[in-house]
Amino acid sequence: MKKLISMLAAGALLAAAIPAGAQTADLYKSKCQVCHGADGRADTPAGKKLGSKDFHSPEVAKASDQELFEITKKGKEKMPGYDKKLTDDQIKDLIKYIRALK
């Protein structure tokens, strides 16, 4: 019985860890990709039209995670705020995700 409980607990931990990354990628695709592109370079029709930021640009690279958090939460210029659509943790995960885009 103890072995079964340990296996279930390990499985639950693994399941909780894996979807977070997948969920963040899905979240990026649904909320960010149309403007910022799959690679974060904002080389999309919507990104060009709206003047979306290239996540690889020096401007974005030098911005702190807190600055990016505030922009995502409250919006800036033509970018809408996501404070009613995303949790703080989702925004933080998205910032980690965009920092890792290559």
N, C-alpha and C. Protein backbone atom coordinates (compact mmCIF):
# COMPACT_ATOMS: atom_id res chain seq x y z
N MET A 1 0.82 -1.19 0.00
CA MET A 1 0.00 0.00 0.00
C MET A 1 0.87 1.26 0.00
N LYS A 2 1.93 1.26 0.83
CA LYS A 2 2.82 2.42 0.88
C LYS A 2 3.48 2.65 -0.48
N LYS A 3 3.85 1.54 -1.14
CA LYS A 3 4.49 1.67 -2.45
C LYS A 3 3.51 2.28 -3.45
N LEU A 4 2.26 1.88 -3.41
CA LEU A 4 1.25 2.43 -4.30
C LEU A 4 1.06 3.92 -4.05
N ILE A 5 1.00 4.31 -2.79
CA ILE A 5 0.84 5.73 -2.44
C ILE A 5 2.05 6.52 -2.92
N SER A 6 3.25 5.98 -2.74
CA SER A 6 4.46 6.65 -3.20
C SER A 6 4.45 6.81 -4.72
N MET A 7 4.03 5.77 -5.42
CA MET A 7 3.98 5.83 -6.88
C MET A 7 2.95 6.85 -7.34
N LEU A 8 1.81 6.90 -6.68
CA LEU A 8 0.78 7.88 -7.03
C LEU A 8 1.26 9.30 -6.76
N ALA A 9 1.93 9.48 -5.64
CA ALA A 9 2.45 10.81 -5.31
C ALA A 9 3.50 11.25 -6.32
N ALA A 10 4.40 10.34 -6.69
CA ALA A 10 5.43 10.66 -7.67
C ALA A 10 4.79 10.98 -9.02
N GLY A 11 3.80 10.23 -9.40
CA GLY A 11 3.10 10.49 -10.65
C GLY A 11 2.39 11.83 -10.65
N ALA A 12 1.79 12.17 -9.53
CA ALA A 12 1.10 13.46 -9.41
C ALA A 12 2.09 14.61 -9.51
N LEU A 13 3.26 14.46 -8.87
CA LEU A 13 4.28 15.50 -8.96
C LEU A 13 4.78 15.66 -10.39
N LEU A 14 5.02 14.55 -11.05
CA LEU A 14 5.49 14.61 -12.43
C LEU A 14 4.43 15.23 -13.34
N ALA A 15 3.20 14.83 -13.17
CA ALA A 15 2.11 15.37 -13.98
C ALA A 15 1.94 16.87 -13.74
N ALA A 16 2.13 17.30 -12.51
CA ALA A 16 2.00 18.72 -12.20
C ALA A 16 3.15 19.52 -12.81
N ALA A 17 4.32 18.93 -12.89
CA ALA A 17 5.48 19.64 -13.42
C ALA A 17 5.45 19.74 -14.94
N ILE A 18 5.10 18.69 -15.62
CA ILE A 18 5.13 18.69 -17.09
C ILE A 18 4.09 19.62 -17.69
N PRO A 19 2.82 19.58 -17.28
CA PRO A 19 1.85 20.44 -17.94
C PRO A 19 2.13 21.93 -17.76
N ALA A 20 2.81 22.32 -16.70
CA ALA A 20 3.09 23.75 -16.50
C ALA A 20 3.83 24.31 -17.70
N GLY A 21 4.84 23.61 -18.18
CA GLY A 21 5.57 24.07 -19.35
C GLY A 21 4.71 24.04 -20.59
N ALA A 22 3.96 22.96 -20.74
CA ALA A 22 3.07 22.84 -21.89
C ALA A 22 1.96 23.88 -21.81
N GLN A 23 1.46 24.11 -20.63
CA GLN A 23 0.41 25.11 -20.45
C GLN A 23 0.94 26.51 -20.77
N THR A 24 2.16 26.79 -20.38
CA THR A 24 2.74 28.10 -20.67
C THR A 24 2.94 28.27 -22.17
N ALA A 25 3.39 27.23 -22.85
CA ALA A 25 3.55 27.30 -24.31
C ALA A 25 2.19 27.51 -24.97
N ASP A 26 1.17 26.81 -24.50
CA ASP A 26 -0.18 26.98 -25.04
C ASP A 26 -0.70 28.38 -24.76
N LEU A 27 -0.41 28.88 -23.57
CA LEU A 27 -0.83 30.23 -23.19
C LEU A 27 -0.15 31.26 -24.09
N TYR A 28 1.14 31.08 -24.34
CA TYR A 28 1.86 31.97 -25.24
C TYR A 28 1.22 31.94 -26.63
N LYS A 29 0.92 30.75 -27.10
CA LYS A 29 0.32 30.62 -28.43
C LYS A 29 -1.03 31.32 -28.50
N SER A 30 -1.81 31.23 -27.45
CA SER A 30 -3.16 31.80 -27.48
C SER A 30 -3.20 33.30 -27.18
N LYS A 31 -2.26 33.81 -26.42
CA LYS A 31 -2.32 35.21 -26.01
C LYS A 31 -1.26 36.10 -26.65
N CYS A 32 -0.13 35.55 -27.04
CA CYS A 32 1.01 36.37 -27.45
C CYS A 32 1.44 36.17 -28.90
N GLN A 33 1.32 34.96 -29.37
CA GLN A 33 1.93 34.58 -30.65
C GLN A 33 1.39 35.35 -31.85
N VAL A 34 0.12 35.70 -31.84
CA VAL A 34 -0.45 36.38 -33.01
C VAL A 34 0.28 37.70 -33.28
N CYS A 35 0.73 38.37 -32.26
CA CYS A 35 1.46 39.63 -32.44
C CYS A 35 2.97 39.46 -32.36
N HIS A 36 3.44 38.67 -31.41
CA HIS A 36 4.88 38.55 -31.17
C HIS A 36 5.52 37.40 -31.95
N GLY A 37 4.72 36.55 -32.55
CA GLY A 37 5.23 35.45 -33.35
C GLY A 37 5.70 34.28 -32.53
N ALA A 38 5.82 33.13 -33.19
CA ALA A 38 6.24 31.90 -32.52
C ALA A 38 7.64 32.03 -31.93
N ASP A 39 8.50 32.81 -32.60
CA ASP A 39 9.88 32.97 -32.13
C ASP A 39 10.10 34.25 -31.32
N GLY A 40 9.04 35.03 -31.12
CA GLY A 40 9.14 36.25 -30.32
C GLY A 40 9.68 37.46 -31.06
N ARG A 41 9.85 37.36 -32.36
CA ARG A 41 10.45 38.47 -33.13
C ARG A 41 9.43 39.48 -33.64
N ALA A 42 8.16 39.26 -33.39
CA ALA A 42 7.08 40.17 -33.79
C ALA A 42 7.01 40.36 -35.30
N ASP A 43 7.48 39.36 -36.03
CA ASP A 43 7.48 39.41 -37.49
C ASP A 43 6.21 38.74 -38.03
N THR A 44 5.06 39.27 -37.61
CA THR A 44 3.76 38.76 -38.04
C THR A 44 2.97 39.94 -38.61
N PRO A 45 1.95 39.68 -39.39
CA PRO A 45 1.14 40.80 -39.90
C PRO A 45 0.59 41.68 -38.77
N ALA A 46 0.05 41.04 -37.73
CA ALA A 46 -0.50 41.81 -36.60
C ALA A 46 0.61 42.53 -35.85
N GLY A 47 1.75 41.86 -35.66
CA GLY A 47 2.87 42.48 -34.95
C GLY A 47 3.40 43.69 -35.69
N LYS A 48 3.51 43.59 -37.00
CA LYS A 48 3.98 44.72 -37.80
C LYS A 48 2.98 45.87 -37.76
N LYS A 49 1.71 45.55 -37.87
CA LYS A 49 0.67 46.58 -37.89
C LYS A 49 0.62 47.34 -36.56
N LEU A 50 0.77 46.61 -35.46
CA LEU A 50 0.66 47.22 -34.14
C LEU A 50 1.98 47.72 -33.57
N GLY A 51 3.08 47.40 -34.24
CA GLY A 51 4.39 47.80 -33.71
C GLY A 51 4.78 47.01 -32.48
N SER A 52 4.43 45.73 -32.47
CA SER A 52 4.74 44.86 -31.32
C SER A 52 6.24 44.77 -31.10
N LYS A 53 6.61 44.57 -29.86
CA LYS A 53 8.02 44.48 -29.49
C LYS A 53 8.60 43.12 -29.85
N ASP A 54 9.80 43.15 -30.37
CA ASP A 54 10.59 41.95 -30.61
C ASP A 54 11.21 41.57 -29.27
N PHE A 55 10.90 40.37 -28.79
CA PHE A 55 11.41 39.95 -27.48
C PHE A 55 12.93 39.79 -27.46
N HIS A 56 13.56 39.77 -28.62
CA HIS A 56 15.02 39.63 -28.70
C HIS A 56 15.72 40.98 -28.79
N SER A 57 14.95 42.05 -28.85
CA SER A 57 15.53 43.38 -28.99
C SER A 57 16.26 43.80 -27.72
N PRO A 58 17.25 44.69 -27.86
CA PRO A 58 17.95 45.18 -26.66
C PRO A 58 17.00 45.85 -25.67
N GLU A 59 15.98 46.52 -26.18
CA GLU A 59 15.01 47.19 -25.30
C GLU A 59 14.32 46.20 -24.37
N VAL A 60 13.87 45.09 -24.92
CA VAL A 60 13.18 44.08 -24.11
C VAL A 60 14.19 43.33 -23.24
N ALA A 61 15.35 43.04 -23.80
CA ALA A 61 16.37 42.30 -23.05
C ALA A 61 16.79 43.05 -21.79
N LYS A 62 16.87 44.39 -21.88
CA LYS A 62 17.31 45.15 -20.71
C LYS A 62 16.19 45.44 -19.71
N ALA A 63 14.94 45.22 -20.12
CA ALA A 63 13.81 45.42 -19.21
C ALA A 63 13.85 44.36 -18.12
N SER A 64 13.54 44.77 -16.92
CA SER A 64 13.50 43.81 -15.81
C SER A 64 12.25 42.95 -15.92
N ASP A 65 12.27 41.82 -15.25
CA ASP A 65 11.09 40.96 -15.22
C ASP A 65 9.91 41.73 -14.62
N GLN A 66 10.16 42.57 -13.64
CA GLN A 66 9.09 43.36 -13.03
C GLN A 66 8.49 44.34 -14.03
N GLU A 67 9.33 44.97 -14.85
CA GLU A 67 8.81 45.88 -15.87
C GLU A 67 7.95 45.12 -16.88
N LEU A 68 8.42 43.96 -17.32
CA LEU A 68 7.64 43.16 -18.26
C LEU A 68 6.34 42.68 -17.62
N PHE A 69 6.40 42.36 -16.34
CA PHE A 69 5.20 41.95 -15.61
C PHE A 69 4.16 43.07 -15.62
N GLU A 70 4.60 44.28 -15.31
CA GLU A 70 3.68 45.43 -15.26
C GLU A 70 3.09 45.72 -16.64
N ILE A 71 3.92 45.65 -17.67
CA ILE A 71 3.43 45.89 -19.03
C ILE A 71 2.38 44.84 -19.41
N THR A 72 2.67 43.59 -19.10
CA THR A 72 1.74 42.51 -19.43
C THR A 72 0.45 42.66 -18.63
N LYS A 73 0.57 43.01 -17.39
CA LYS A 73 -0.60 43.11 -16.53
C LYS A 73 -1.47 44.33 -16.87
N LYS A 74 -0.84 45.48 -17.05
CA LYS A 74 -1.58 46.73 -17.25
C LYS A 74 -1.73 47.15 -18.71
N GLY A 75 -0.86 46.61 -19.58
CA GLY A 75 -0.86 47.03 -20.97
C GLY A 75 0.04 48.24 -21.17
N LYS A 76 0.36 48.51 -22.43
CA LYS A 76 1.19 49.66 -22.77
C LYS A 76 1.01 49.95 -24.25
N GLU A 77 0.77 51.21 -24.56
CA GLU A 77 0.53 51.63 -25.93
C GLU A 77 -0.60 50.77 -26.52
N LYS A 78 -0.35 50.04 -27.60
CA LYS A 78 -1.41 49.27 -28.24
C LYS A 78 -1.60 47.88 -27.64
N MET A 79 -0.71 47.49 -26.73
CA MET A 79 -0.85 46.17 -26.10
C MET A 79 -1.88 46.25 -24.98
N PRO A 80 -2.87 45.37 -25.02
CA PRO A 80 -3.87 45.37 -23.94
C PRO A 80 -3.30 44.80 -22.65
N GLY A 81 -3.89 45.17 -21.54
CA GLY A 81 -3.53 44.59 -20.26
C GLY A 81 -4.20 43.25 -20.08
N TYR A 82 -3.53 42.36 -19.38
CA TYR A 82 -4.06 41.02 -19.16
C TYR A 82 -4.38 40.76 -17.69
N ASP A 83 -4.58 41.81 -16.91
CA ASP A 83 -4.82 41.63 -15.48
C ASP A 83 -6.11 40.89 -15.19
N LYS A 84 -7.09 40.95 -16.06
CA LYS A 84 -8.36 40.24 -15.85
C LYS A 84 -8.38 38.88 -16.55
N LYS A 85 -7.35 38.60 -17.37
CA LYS A 85 -7.34 37.38 -18.17
C LYS A 85 -6.30 36.37 -17.72
N LEU A 86 -5.25 36.84 -17.06
CA LEU A 86 -4.17 35.96 -16.61
C LEU A 86 -3.89 36.18 -15.14
N THR A 87 -3.50 35.11 -14.46
CA THR A 87 -3.09 35.25 -13.07
C THR A 87 -1.66 35.79 -13.03
N ASP A 88 -1.26 36.27 -11.87
CA ASP A 88 0.12 36.76 -11.72
C ASP A 88 1.12 35.64 -12.03
N ASP A 89 0.82 34.42 -11.59
CA ASP A 89 1.73 33.30 -11.85
C ASP A 89 1.81 32.99 -13.35
N GLN A 90 0.70 33.09 -14.05
CA GLN A 90 0.73 32.86 -15.50
C GLN A 90 1.60 33.92 -16.19
N ILE A 91 1.48 35.16 -15.76
CA ILE A 91 2.29 36.23 -16.34
C ILE A 91 3.77 35.98 -16.07
N LYS A 92 4.10 35.59 -14.85
CA LYS A 92 5.49 35.29 -14.51
C LYS A 92 6.03 34.13 -15.35
N ASP A 93 5.20 33.10 -15.54
CA ASP A 93 5.61 31.97 -16.38
C ASP A 93 5.83 32.41 -17.83
N LEU A 94 4.96 33.28 -18.33
CA LEU A 94 5.13 33.78 -19.70
C LEU A 94 6.42 34.58 -19.85
N ILE A 95 6.77 35.35 -18.84
CA ILE A 95 8.02 36.12 -18.90
C ILE A 95 9.22 35.17 -18.95
N LYS A 96 9.20 34.12 -18.16
CA LYS A 96 10.26 33.11 -18.23
C LYS A 96 10.30 32.49 -19.62
N TYR A 97 9.14 32.22 -20.16
CA TYR A 97 9.03 31.60 -21.48
C TYR A 97 9.63 32.51 -22.56
N ILE A 98 9.26 33.78 -22.55
CA ILE A 98 9.77 34.67 -23.60
C ILE A 98 11.26 34.93 -23.43
N ARG A 99 11.75 34.89 -22.21
CA ARG A 99 13.19 35.05 -22.00
C ARG A 99 13.97 33.86 -22.58
N ALA A 100 13.30 32.70 -22.65
CA ALA A 100 13.96 31.50 -23.14
C ALA A 100 13.84 31.30 -24.66
N LEU A 101 13.01 32.12 -25.30
CA LEU A 101 12.86 31.99 -26.76
C LEU A 101 14.18 32.26 -27.45
N LYS A 102 14.49 31.45 -28.44
CA LYS A 102 15.74 31.62 -29.19
C LYS A 102 15.44 31.82 -30.64
